[in-house]
Amino acid sequence: ALLTAPASWHRLLFRRGMRKEIIDIANTFAIAGLVCLALAMVGTVLL
């Protein structure tokens, strides 16, 4: 969800003059998504 959300935000806010806002929120989503992915990888290794 977090790693695909930026594409949705970009598409829904396309040509609205909000590129900076999209980048800021997408960066936050990407970092949170990578945290979730890292924890999921650890869980998979543990499984």
All heavy atoms as atom14 arrays in JSON, in Angstrom:
{
  "sequence": "ALLTAPASWHRLLFRRGMRKEIIDIANTFAIAGLVCLALAMVGTVLL",
  "atom14_mask": [
    [1, 1, 1, 1, 1, 0, 0, 0, 0, 0, 0, 0, 0, 0],
    [1, 1, 1, 1, 1, 1, 1, 1, 0, 0, 0, 0, 0, 0],
    [1, 1, 1, 1, 1, 1, 1, 1, 0, 0, 0, 0, 0, 0],
    [1, 1, 1, 1, 1, 1, 1, 0, 0, 0, 0, 0, 0, 0],
    [1, 1, 1, 1, 1, 0, 0, 0, 0, 0, 0, 0, 0, 0],
    [1, 1, 1, 1, 1, 1, 1, 0, 0, 0, 0, 0, 0, 0],
    [1, 1, 1, 1, 1, 0, 0, 0, 0, 0, 0, 0, 0, 0],
    [1, 1, 1, 1, 1, 1, 0, 0, 0, 0, 0, 0, 0, 0],
    [1, 1, 1, 1, 1, 1, 1, 1, 1, 1, 1, 1, 1, 1],
    [1, 1, 1, 1, 1, 1, 1, 1, 1, 1, 0, 0, 0, 0],
    [1, 1, 1, 1, 1, 1, 1, 1, 1, 1, 1, 0, 0, 0],
    [1, 1, 1, 1, 1, 1, 1, 1, 0, 0, 0, 0, 0, 0],
    [1, 1, 1, 1, 1, 1, 1, 1, 0, 0, 0, 0, 0, 0],
    [1, 1, 1, 1, 1, 1, 1, 1, 1, 1, 1, 0, 0, 0],
    [1, 1, 1, 1, 1, 1, 1, 1, 1, 1, 1, 0, 0, 0],
    [1, 1, 1, 1, 1, 1, 1, 1, 1, 1, 1, 0, 0, 0],
    [1, 1, 1, 1, 0, 0, 0, 0, 0, 0, 0, 0, 0, 0],
    [1, 1, 1, 1, 1, 1, 1, 1, 0, 0, 0, 0, 0, 0],
    [1, 1, 1, 1, 1, 1, 1, 1, 1, 1, 1, 0, 0, 0],
    [1, 1, 1, 1, 1, 1, 1, 1, 1, 0, 0, 0, 0, 0],
    [1, 1, 1, 1, 1, 1, 1, 1, 1, 0, 0, 0, 0, 0],
    [1, 1, 1, 1, 1, 1, 1, 1, 0, 0, 0, 0, 0, 0],
    [1, 1, 1, 1, 1, 1, 1, 1, 0, 0, 0, 0, 0, 0],
    [1, 1, 1, 1, 1, 1, 1, 1, 0, 0, 0, 0, 0, 0],
    [1, 1, 1, 1, 1, 1, 1, 1, 0, 0, 0, 0, 0, 0],
    [1, 1, 1, 1, 1, 0, 0, 0, 0, 0, 0, 0, 0, 0],
    [1, 1, 1, 1, 1, 1, 1, 1, 0, 0, 0, 0, 0, 0],
    [1, 1, 1, 1, 1, 1, 1, 0, 0, 0, 0, 0, 0, 0],
    [1, 1, 1, 1, 1, 1, 1, 1, 1, 1, 1, 0, 0, 0],
    [1, 1, 1, 1, 1, 0, 0, 0, 0, 0, 0, 0, 0, 0],
    [1, 1, 1, 1, 1, 1, 1, 1, 0, 0, 0, 0, 0, 0],
    [1, 1, 1, 1, 1, 0, 0, 0, 0, 0, 0, 0, 0, 0],
    [1, 1, 1, 1, 0, 0, 0, 0, 0, 0, 0, 0, 0, 0],
    [1, 1, 1, 1, 1, 1, 1, 1, 0, 0, 0, 0, 0, 0],
    [1, 1, 1, 1, 1, 1, 1, 0, 0, 0, 0, 0, 0, 0],
    [1, 1, 1, 1, 1, 1, 0, 0, 0, 0, 0, 0, 0, 0],
    [1, 1, 1, 1, 1, 1, 1, 1, 0, 0, 0, 0, 0, 0],
    [1, 1, 1, 1, 1, 0, 0, 0, 0, 0, 0, 0, 0, 0],
    [1, 1, 1, 1, 1, 1, 1, 1, 0, 0, 0, 0, 0, 0],
    [1, 1, 1, 1, 1, 0, 0, 0, 0, 0, 0, 0, 0, 0],
    [1, 1, 1, 1, 1, 1, 1, 1, 0, 0, 0, 0, 0, 0],
    [1, 1, 1, 1, 1, 1, 1, 0, 0, 0, 0, 0, 0, 0],
    [1, 1, 1, 1, 0, 0, 0, 0, 0, 0, 0, 0, 0, 0],
    [1, 1, 1, 1, 1, 1, 1, 0, 0, 0, 0, 0, 0, 0],
    [1, 1, 1, 1, 1, 1, 1, 0, 0, 0, 0, 0, 0, 0],
    [1, 1, 1, 1, 1, 1, 1, 1, 0, 0, 0, 0, 0, 0],
    [1, 1, 1, 1, 1, 1, 1, 1, 0, 0, 0, 0, 0, 0]
  ],
  "atom14_positions": [
    [[0.83, -1.21, 0.0], [0.0, 0.0, 0.0], [0.86, 1.26, 0.0], [0.61, 2.19, -0.79], [-0.94, 0.0, 1.21], [0.0, 0.0, 0.0], [0.0, 0.0, 0.0], [0.0, 0.0, 0.0], [0.0, 0.0, 0.0], [0.0, 0.0, 0.0], [0.0, 0.0, 0.0], [0.0, 0.0, 0.0], [0.0, 0.0, 0.0], [0.0, 0.0, 0.0]],
    [[1.85, 1.3, 0.86], [2.69, 2.5, 0.99], [3.59, 2.72, -0.24], [3.8, 3.86, -0.66], [3.54, 2.42, 2.25], [2.76, 2.58, 3.56], [3.57, 2.04, 4.73], [2.36, 4.03, 3.77], [0.0, 0.0, 0.0], [0.0, 0.0, 0.0], [0.0, 0.0, 0.0], [0.0, 0.0, 0.0], [0.0, 0.0, 0.0], [0.0, 0.0, 0.0]],
    [[4.1, 1.64, -0.81], [5.01, 1.78, -1.94], [4.29, 2.04, -3.26], [4.9, 2.51, -4.22], [5.9, 0.54, -2.06], [6.9, 0.35, -0.91], [7.6, -1.0, -1.03], [7.91, 1.48, -0.85], [0.0, 0.0, 0.0], [0.0, 0.0, 0.0], [0.0, 0.0, 0.0], [0.0, 0.0, 0.0], [0.0, 0.0, 0.0], [0.0, 0.0, 0.0]],
    [[3.01, 1.73, -3.33], [2.25, 2.02, -4.55], [1.44, 3.31, -4.44], [1.01, 3.86, -5.46], [1.31, 0.85, -4.92], [0.44, 0.58, -3.82], [2.1, -0.4, -5.27], [0.0, 0.0, 0.0], [0.0, 0.0, 0.0], [0.0, 0.0, 0.0], [0.0, 0.0, 0.0], [0.0, 0.0, 0.0], [0.0, 0.0, 0.0], [0.0, 0.0, 0.0]],
    [[1.23, 3.81, -3.23], [0.44, 5.03, -3.04], [0.98, 6.24, -3.8], [0.19, 7.01, -4.36], [0.32, 5.36, -1.55], [0.0, 0.0, 0.0], [0.0, 0.0, 0.0], [0.0, 0.0, 0.0], [0.0, 0.0, 0.0], [0.0, 0.0, 0.0], [0.0, 0.0, 0.0], [0.0, 0.0, 0.0], [0.0, 0.0, 0.0], [0.0, 0.0, 0.0]],
    [[2.31, 6.45, -3.88], [2.79, 7.63, -4.62], [2.34, 7.67, -6.08], [2.05, 8.75, -6.6], [4.31, 7.51, -4.51], [4.52, 6.81, -3.21], [3.41, 5.79, -3.16], [0.0, 0.0, 0.0], [0.0, 0.0, 0.0], [0.0, 0.0, 0.0], [0.0, 0.0, 0.0], [0.0, 0.0, 0.0], [0.0, 0.0, 0.0], [0.0, 0.0, 0.0]],
    [[2.26, 6.52, -6.72], [1.79, 6.51, -8.12], [0.33, 6.97, -8.19], [-0.05, 7.73, -9.08], [1.94, 5.12, -8.72], [0.0, 0.0, 0.0], [0.0, 0.0, 0.0], [0.0, 0.0, 0.0], [0.0, 0.0, 0.0], [0.0, 0.0, 0.0], [0.0, 0.0, 0.0], [0.0, 0.0, 0.0], [0.0, 0.0, 0.0], [0.0, 0.0, 0.0]],
    [[-0.47, 6.54, -7.24], [-1.87, 6.95, -7.2], [-2.0, 8.45, -6.92], [-2.77, 9.15, -7.58], [-2.62, 6.14, -6.13], [-3.94, 6.57, -6.04], [0.0, 0.0, 0.0], [0.0, 0.0, 0.0], [0.0, 0.0, 0.0], [0.0, 0.0, 0.0], [0.0, 0.0, 0.0], [0.0, 0.0, 0.0], [0.0, 0.0, 0.0], [0.0, 0.0, 0.0]],
    [[-1.23, 8.93, -5.95], [-1.26, 10.37, -5.63], [-0.85, 11.18, -6.86], [-1.48, 12.19, -7.17], [-0.31, 10.66, -4.47], [-0.9, 10.4, -3.14], [-1.33, 9.2, -2.64], [-1.15, 11.36, -2.12], [-1.82, 9.36, -1.38], [-1.71, 10.68, -1.02], [-0.93, 12.73, -2.02], [-2.07, 11.31, 0.15], [-1.27, 13.38, -0.84], [-1.85, 12.66, 0.23]],
    [[0.2, 10.73, -7.54], [0.66, 11.45, -8.72], [-0.42, 11.48, -9.78], [-0.72, 12.52, -10.37], [1.94, 10.81, -9.27], [2.43, 11.47, -10.51], [2.26, 10.91, -11.75], [3.06, 12.65, -10.71], [2.78, 11.71, -12.67], [3.28, 12.77, -12.06], [0.0, 0.0, 0.0], [0.0, 0.0, 0.0], [0.0, 0.0, 0.0], [0.0, 0.0, 0.0]],
    [[-1.05, 10.35, -10.02], [-2.07, 10.27, -11.07], [-3.29, 11.11, -10.71], [-3.82, 11.83, -11.55], [-2.47, 8.8, -11.27], [-3.34, 8.52, -12.42], [-2.89, 9.0, -13.8], [-1.49, 9.13, -14.04], [-0.94, 10.09, -14.81], [-1.68, 10.96, -15.43], [0.35, 10.16, -14.97], [0.0, 0.0, 0.0], [0.0, 0.0, 0.0], [0.0, 0.0, 0.0]],
    [[-3.75, 11.05, -9.47], [-4.96, 11.78, -9.08], [-4.73, 13.29, -8.96], [-5.67, 14.07, -9.1], [-5.52, 11.23, -7.77], [-6.08, 9.81, -7.87], [-6.41, 9.25, -6.49], [-7.32, 9.78, -8.76], [0.0, 0.0, 0.0], [0.0, 0.0, 0.0], [0.0, 0.0, 0.0], [0.0, 0.0, 0.0], [0.0, 0.0, 0.0], [0.0, 0.0, 0.0]],
    [[-3.49, 13.68, -8.69], [-3.19, 15.11, -8.54], [-2.41, 15.67, -9.73], [-1.89, 16.78, -9.67], [-2.42, 15.34, -7.24], [-3.17, 14.92, -5.97], [-2.28, 15.08, -4.75], [-4.47, 15.68, -5.81], [0.0, 0.0, 0.0], [0.0, 0.0, 0.0], [0.0, 0.0, 0.0], [0.0, 0.0, 0.0], [0.0, 0.0, 0.0], [0.0, 0.0, 0.0]],
    [[-2.35, 14.89, -10.8], [-1.62, 15.26, -12.01], [-2.11, 16.61, -12.54], [-3.31, 16.88, -12.58], [-1.85, 14.16, -13.06], [-1.08, 14.34, -14.33], [0.3, 14.28, -14.33], [-1.74, 14.53, -15.52], [1.02, 14.42, -15.51], [-1.04, 14.68, -16.7], [0.34, 14.63, -16.69], [0.0, 0.0, 0.0], [0.0, 0.0, 0.0], [0.0, 0.0, 0.0]],
    [[-1.17, 17.46, -12.89], [-1.44, 18.8, -13.45], [-2.29, 19.68, -12.55], [-3.09, 20.47, -13.01], [-2.08, 18.67, -14.83], [-1.13, 18.08, -15.84], [-1.68, 18.19, -17.23], [-0.69, 17.67, -18.16], [-1.0, 17.18, -19.33], [-2.24, 17.15, -19.74], [-0.05, 16.74, -20.12], [0.0, 0.0, 0.0], [0.0, 0.0, 0.0], [0.0, 0.0, 0.0]],
    [[-2.09, 19.56, -11.27], [-2.78, 20.42, -10.31], [-1.81, 21.4, -9.64], [-2.18, 22.05, -8.68], [-3.46, 19.58, -9.22], [-4.45, 18.58, -9.72], [-5.78, 19.22, -9.87], [-6.76, 18.19, -10.22], [-7.75, 18.38, -11.05], [-7.91, 19.55, -11.61], [-8.59, 17.42, -11.32], [0.0, 0.0, 0.0], [0.0, 0.0, 0.0], [0.0, 0.0, 0.0]],
    [[-0.57, 21.42, -10.12], [0.42, 22.33, -9.54], [0.85, 21.91, -8.14], [1.25, 22.76, -7.34], [0.0, 0.0, 0.0], [0.0, 0.0, 0.0], [0.0, 0.0, 0.0], [0.0, 0.0, 0.0], [0.0, 0.0, 0.0], [0.0, 0.0, 0.0], [0.0, 0.0, 0.0], [0.0, 0.0, 0.0], [0.0, 0.0, 0.0], [0.0, 0.0, 0.0]],
    [[0.79, 20.6, -7.85], [1.09, 20.12, -6.5], [2.3, 19.18, -6.49], [2.4, 18.34, -5.6], [-0.15, 19.4, -5.94], [-1.37, 20.3, -5.85], [-2.81, 19.41, -5.23], [-2.33, 19.19, -3.53], [0.0, 0.0, 0.0], [0.0, 0.0, 0.0], [0.0, 0.0, 0.0], [0.0, 0.0, 0.0], [0.0, 0.0, 0.0], [0.0, 0.0, 0.0]],
    [[3.18, 19.33, -7.44], [4.31, 18.4, -7.55], [5.15, 18.35, -6.28], [5.53, 17.28, -5.83], [5.17, 18.79, -8.75], [6.2, 17.73, -9.08], [6.96, 18.05, -10.33], [6.16, 17.66, -11.48], [6.32, 18.17, -12.69], [7.22, 19.09, -12.92], [5.57, 17.76, -13.68], [0.0, 0.0, 0.0], [0.0, 0.0, 0.0], [0.0, 0.0, 0.0]],
    [[5.44, 19.5, -5.67], [6.24, 19.5, -4.44], [5.53, 18.73, -3.33], [6.15, 17.93, -2.63], [6.53, 20.92, -3.98], [7.31, 20.91, -2.65], [8.09, 22.13, -2.42], [8.86, 22.17, -1.14], [9.1, 20.96, -0.42], [0.0, 0.0, 0.0], [0.0, 0.0, 0.0], [0.0, 0.0, 0.0], [0.0, 0.0, 0.0], [0.0, 0.0, 0.0]],
    [[4.24, 18.94, -3.16], [3.47, 18.23, -2.14], [3.45, 16.72, -2.41], [3.58, 15.91, -1.49], [2.03, 18.75, -2.05], [1.92, 20.18, -1.55], [2.1, 21.24, -2.64], [2.43, 20.89, -3.8], [1.92, 22.43, -2.32], [0.0, 0.0, 0.0], [0.0, 0.0, 0.0], [0.0, 0.0, 0.0], [0.0, 0.0, 0.0], [0.0, 0.0, 0.0]],
    [[3.31, 16.37, -3.68], [3.31, 14.95, -4.05], [4.66, 14.32, -3.7], [4.71, 13.22, -3.14], [3.0, 14.77, -5.56], [1.56, 15.19, -5.85], [3.24, 13.33, -6.0], [1.25, 15.31, -7.34], [0.0, 0.0, 0.0], [0.0, 0.0, 0.0], [0.0, 0.0, 0.0], [0.0, 0.0, 0.0], [0.0, 0.0, 0.0], [0.0, 0.0, 0.0]],
    [[5.74, 15.01, -4.01], [7.08, 14.48, -3.71], [7.27, 14.33, -2.21], [7.78, 13.31, -1.74], [8.16, 15.39, -4.32], [8.11, 15.3, -5.84], [9.55, 15.01, -3.8], [8.96, 16.34, -6.55], [0.0, 0.0, 0.0], [0.0, 0.0, 0.0], [0.0, 0.0, 0.0], [0.0, 0.0, 0.0], [0.0, 0.0, 0.0], [0.0, 0.0, 0.0]],
    [[6.85, 15.32, -1.44], [7.01, 15.25, 0.01], [6.26, 14.07, 0.61], [6.81, 13.3, 1.4], [6.55, 16.56, 0.68], [7.49, 17.72, 0.38], [8.63, 17.48, -0.05], [7.05, 18.88, 0.58], [0.0, 0.0, 0.0], [0.0, 0.0, 0.0], [0.0, 0.0, 0.0], [0.0, 0.0, 0.0], [0.0, 0.0, 0.0], [0.0, 0.0, 0.0]],
    [[4.99, 13.91, 0.25], [4.2, 12.81, 0.81], [4.68, 11.47, 0.26], [4.72, 10.48, 0.98], [2.68, 13.01, 0.61], [1.89, 12.06, 1.51], [2.26, 12.8, -0.82], [1.95, 12.38, 2.95], [0.0, 0.0, 0.0], [0.0, 0.0, 0.0], [0.0, 0.0, 0.0], [0.0, 0.0, 0.0], [0.0, 0.0, 0.0], [0.0, 0.0, 0.0]],
    [[5.07, 11.43, -1.01], [5.56, 10.19, -1.61], [6.85, 9.74, -0.92], [7.06, 8.55, -0.71], [5.79, 10.37, -3.1], [0.0, 0.0, 0.0], [0.0, 0.0, 0.0], [0.0, 0.0, 0.0], [0.0, 0.0, 0.0], [0.0, 0.0, 0.0], [0.0, 0.0, 0.0], [0.0, 0.0, 0.0], [0.0, 0.0, 0.0], [0.0, 0.0, 0.0]],
    [[7.71, 10.69, -0.56], [8.93, 10.35, 0.15], [8.61, 9.73, 1.52], [9.2, 8.73, 1.91], [9.8, 11.6, 0.31], [11.13, 11.27, 0.93], [11.91, 10.51, 0.37], [11.39, 11.83, 2.1], [0.0, 0.0, 0.0], [0.0, 0.0, 0.0], [0.0, 0.0, 0.0], [0.0, 0.0, 0.0], [0.0, 0.0, 0.0], [0.0, 0.0, 0.0]],
    [[7.65, 10.33, 2.22], [7.22, 9.78, 3.52], [6.65, 8.38, 3.35], [6.98, 7.47, 4.11], [6.17, 10.71, 4.17], [6.77, 12.0, 4.34], [5.72, 10.18, 5.5], [0.0, 0.0, 0.0], [0.0, 0.0, 0.0], [0.0, 0.0, 0.0], [0.0, 0.0, 0.0], [0.0, 0.0, 0.0], [0.0, 0.0, 0.0], [0.0, 0.0, 0.0]],
    [[5.78, 8.2, 2.34], [5.22, 6.87, 2.07], [6.32, 5.87, 1.73], [6.29, 4.71, 2.17], [4.23, 6.92, 0.91], [2.9, 7.54, 1.24], [2.11, 8.05, 0.22], [2.41, 7.61, 2.53], [0.87, 8.62, 0.49], [1.18, 8.18, 2.82], [0.4, 8.68, 1.8], [0.0, 0.0, 0.0], [0.0, 0.0, 0.0], [0.0, 0.0, 0.0]],
    [[7.28, 6.28, 0.92], [8.35, 5.37, 0.5], [9.17, 4.91, 1.7], [9.47, 3.71, 1.83], [9.25, 6.05, -0.53], [0.0, 0.0, 0.0], [0.0, 0.0, 0.0], [0.0, 0.0, 0.0], [0.0, 0.0, 0.0], [0.0, 0.0, 0.0], [0.0, 0.0, 0.0], [0.0, 0.0, 0.0], [0.0, 0.0, 0.0], [0.0, 0.0, 0.0]],
    [[9.52, 5.82, 2.58], [10.3, 5.44, 3.76], [9.5, 4.52, 4.67], [9.99, 3.48, 5.12], [10.79, 6.69, 4.52], [11.83, 7.44, 3.66], [11.38, 6.32, 5.88], [12.18, 8.82, 4.17], [0.0, 0.0, 0.0], [0.0, 0.0, 0.0], [0.0, 0.0, 0.0], [0.0, 0.0, 0.0], [0.0, 0.0, 0.0], [0.0, 0.0, 0.0]],
    [[8.23, 4.85, 4.91], [7.38, 3.99, 5.73], [7.2, 2.63, 5.07], [7.21, 1.59, 5.75], [6.02, 4.66, 5.96], [0.0, 0.0, 0.0], [0.0, 0.0, 0.0], [0.0, 0.0, 0.0], [0.0, 0.0, 0.0], [0.0, 0.0, 0.0], [0.0, 0.0, 0.0], [0.0, 0.0, 0.0], [0.0, 0.0, 0.0], [0.0, 0.0, 0.0]],
    [[7.05, 2.61, 3.75], [6.92, 1.35, 3.02], [8.17, 0.49, 3.13], [8.08, -0.73, 3.28], [0.0, 0.0, 0.0], [0.0, 0.0, 0.0], [0.0, 0.0, 0.0], [0.0, 0.0, 0.0], [0.0, 0.0, 0.0], [0.0, 0.0, 0.0], [0.0, 0.0, 0.0], [0.0, 0.0, 0.0], [0.0, 0.0, 0.0], [0.0, 0.0, 0.0]],
    [[9.33, 1.13, 3.08], [10.58, 0.38, 3.22], [10.75, -0.17, 4.63], [11.27, -1.27, 4.82], [11.77, 1.25, 2.83], [11.88, 1.54, 1.33], [12.97, 2.58, 1.07], [12.14, 0.27, 0.54], [0.0, 0.0, 0.0], [0.0, 0.0, 0.0], [0.0, 0.0, 0.0], [0.0, 0.0, 0.0], [0.0, 0.0, 0.0], [0.0, 0.0, 0.0]],
    [[10.28, 0.58, 5.64], [10.3, 0.06, 7.01], [9.42, -1.18, 7.1], [9.84, -2.22, 7.64], [9.85, 1.14, 8.03], [9.6, 0.53, 9.4], [10.88, 2.26, 8.12], [0.0, 0.0, 0.0], [0.0, 0.0, 0.0], [0.0, 0.0, 0.0], [0.0, 0.0, 0.0], [0.0, 0.0, 0.0], [0.0, 0.0, 0.0], [0.0, 0.0, 0.0]],
    [[8.21, -1.1, 6.56], [7.3, -2.25, 6.57], [7.89, -3.42, 5.8], [7.81, -4.58, 6.25], [5.93, -1.88, 6.01], [4.96, -0.82, 7.08], [0.0, 0.0, 0.0], [0.0, 0.0, 0.0], [0.0, 0.0, 0.0], [0.0, 0.0, 0.0], [0.0, 0.0, 0.0], [0.0, 0.0, 0.0], [0.0, 0.0, 0.0], [0.0, 0.0, 0.0]],
    [[8.5, -3.14, 4.65], [9.11, -4.21, 3.86], [10.27, -4.86, 4.61], [10.4, -6.08, 4.61], [9.58, -3.66, 2.51], [10.3, -4.66, 1.59], [9.44, -5.89, 1.32], [10.7, -3.98, 0.29], [0.0, 0.0, 0.0], [0.0, 0.0, 0.0], [0.0, 0.0, 0.0], [0.0, 0.0, 0.0], [0.0, 0.0, 0.0], [0.0, 0.0, 0.0]],
    [[11.11, -4.06, 5.24], [12.23, -4.62, 6.01], [11.71, -5.53, 7.13], [12.21, -6.64, 7.33], [13.1, -3.5, 6.58], [0.0, 0.0, 0.0], [0.0, 0.0, 0.0], [0.0, 0.0, 0.0], [0.0, 0.0, 0.0], [0.0, 0.0, 0.0], [0.0, 0.0, 0.0], [0.0, 0.0, 0.0], [0.0, 0.0, 0.0], [0.0, 0.0, 0.0]],
    [[10.68, -5.07, 7.84], [10.11, -5.89, 8.91], [9.45, -7.15, 8.36], [9.53, -8.23, 8.96], [9.11, -5.07, 9.73], [9.74, -3.94, 10.55], [8.65, -3.07, 11.2], [10.69, -4.49, 11.61], [0.0, 0.0, 0.0], [0.0, 0.0, 0.0], [0.0, 0.0, 0.0], [0.0, 0.0, 0.0], [0.0, 0.0, 0.0], [0.0, 0.0, 0.0]],
    [[8.81, -7.03, 7.19], [8.21, -8.21, 6.55], [9.28, -9.21, 6.12], [9.09, -10.42, 6.24], [7.36, -7.77, 5.35], [0.0, 0.0, 0.0], [0.0, 0.0, 0.0], [0.0, 0.0, 0.0], [0.0, 0.0, 0.0], [0.0, 0.0, 0.0], [0.0, 0.0, 0.0], [0.0, 0.0, 0.0], [0.0, 0.0, 0.0], [0.0, 0.0, 0.0]],
    [[10.4, -8.7, 5.63], [11.5, -9.59, 5.26], [12.06, -10.31, 6.49], [12.34, -11.5, 6.44], [12.61, -8.8, 4.55], [12.22, -8.28, 3.19], [11.86, -9.59, 2.01], [13.47, -10.35, 1.86], [0.0, 0.0, 0.0], [0.0, 0.0, 0.0], [0.0, 0.0, 0.0], [0.0, 0.0, 0.0], [0.0, 0.0, 0.0], [0.0, 0.0, 0.0]],
    [[12.19, -9.58, 7.58], [12.65, -10.2, 8.82], [11.66, -11.27, 9.26], [12.05, -12.38, 9.64], [12.86, -9.13, 9.92], [13.09, -9.79, 11.28], [14.02, -8.21, 9.56], [0.0, 0.0, 0.0], [0.0, 0.0, 0.0], [0.0, 0.0, 0.0], [0.0, 0.0, 0.0], [0.0, 0.0, 0.0], [0.0, 0.0, 0.0], [0.0, 0.0, 0.0]],
    [[10.36, -10.96, 9.19], [9.34, -11.94, 9.54], [9.4, -13.17, 8.66], [9.25, -14.31, 9.13], [0.0, 0.0, 0.0], [0.0, 0.0, 0.0], [0.0, 0.0, 0.0], [0.0, 0.0, 0.0], [0.0, 0.0, 0.0], [0.0, 0.0, 0.0], [0.0, 0.0, 0.0], [0.0, 0.0, 0.0], [0.0, 0.0, 0.0], [0.0, 0.0, 0.0]],
    [[9.66, -12.97, 7.36], [9.76, -14.09, 6.43], [10.98, -14.95, 6.76], [10.9, -16.18, 6.75], [9.84, -13.57, 4.98], [8.69, -12.76, 4.73], [9.89, -14.71, 3.99], [0.0, 0.0, 0.0], [0.0, 0.0, 0.0], [0.0, 0.0, 0.0], [0.0, 0.0, 0.0], [0.0, 0.0, 0.0], [0.0, 0.0, 0.0], [0.0, 0.0, 0.0]],
    [[12.1, -14.32, 7.05], [13.3, -15.06, 7.43], [13.04, -15.84, 8.72], [13.42, -17.01, 8.84], [14.51, -14.1, 7.59], [15.68, -14.78, 8.26], [14.91, -13.54, 6.23], [0.0, 0.0, 0.0], [0.0, 0.0, 0.0], [0.0, 0.0, 0.0], [0.0, 0.0, 0.0], [0.0, 0.0, 0.0], [0.0, 0.0, 0.0], [0.0, 0.0, 0.0]],
    [[12.36, -15.21, 9.67], [12.04, -15.88, 10.93], [11.09, -17.06, 10.69], [11.27, -18.14, 11.27], [11.42, -14.88, 11.91], [11.21, -15.32, 13.34], [12.47, -15.92, 13.94], [10.73, -14.15, 14.18], [0.0, 0.0, 0.0], [0.0, 0.0, 0.0], [0.0, 0.0, 0.0], [0.0, 0.0, 0.0], [0.0, 0.0, 0.0], [0.0, 0.0, 0.0]],
    [[10.11, -16.88, 9.82], [9.2, -17.99, 9.47], [9.97, -19.16, 8.88], [9.76, -20.32, 9.25], [8.15, -17.53, 8.46], [6.94, -16.8, 8.99], [6.12, -16.23, 7.83], [6.08, -17.72, 9.83], [0.0, 0.0, 0.0], [0.0, 0.0, 0.0], [0.0, 0.0, 0.0], [0.0, 0.0, 0.0], [0.0, 0.0, 0.0], [0.0, 0.0, 0.0]]
  ]
}
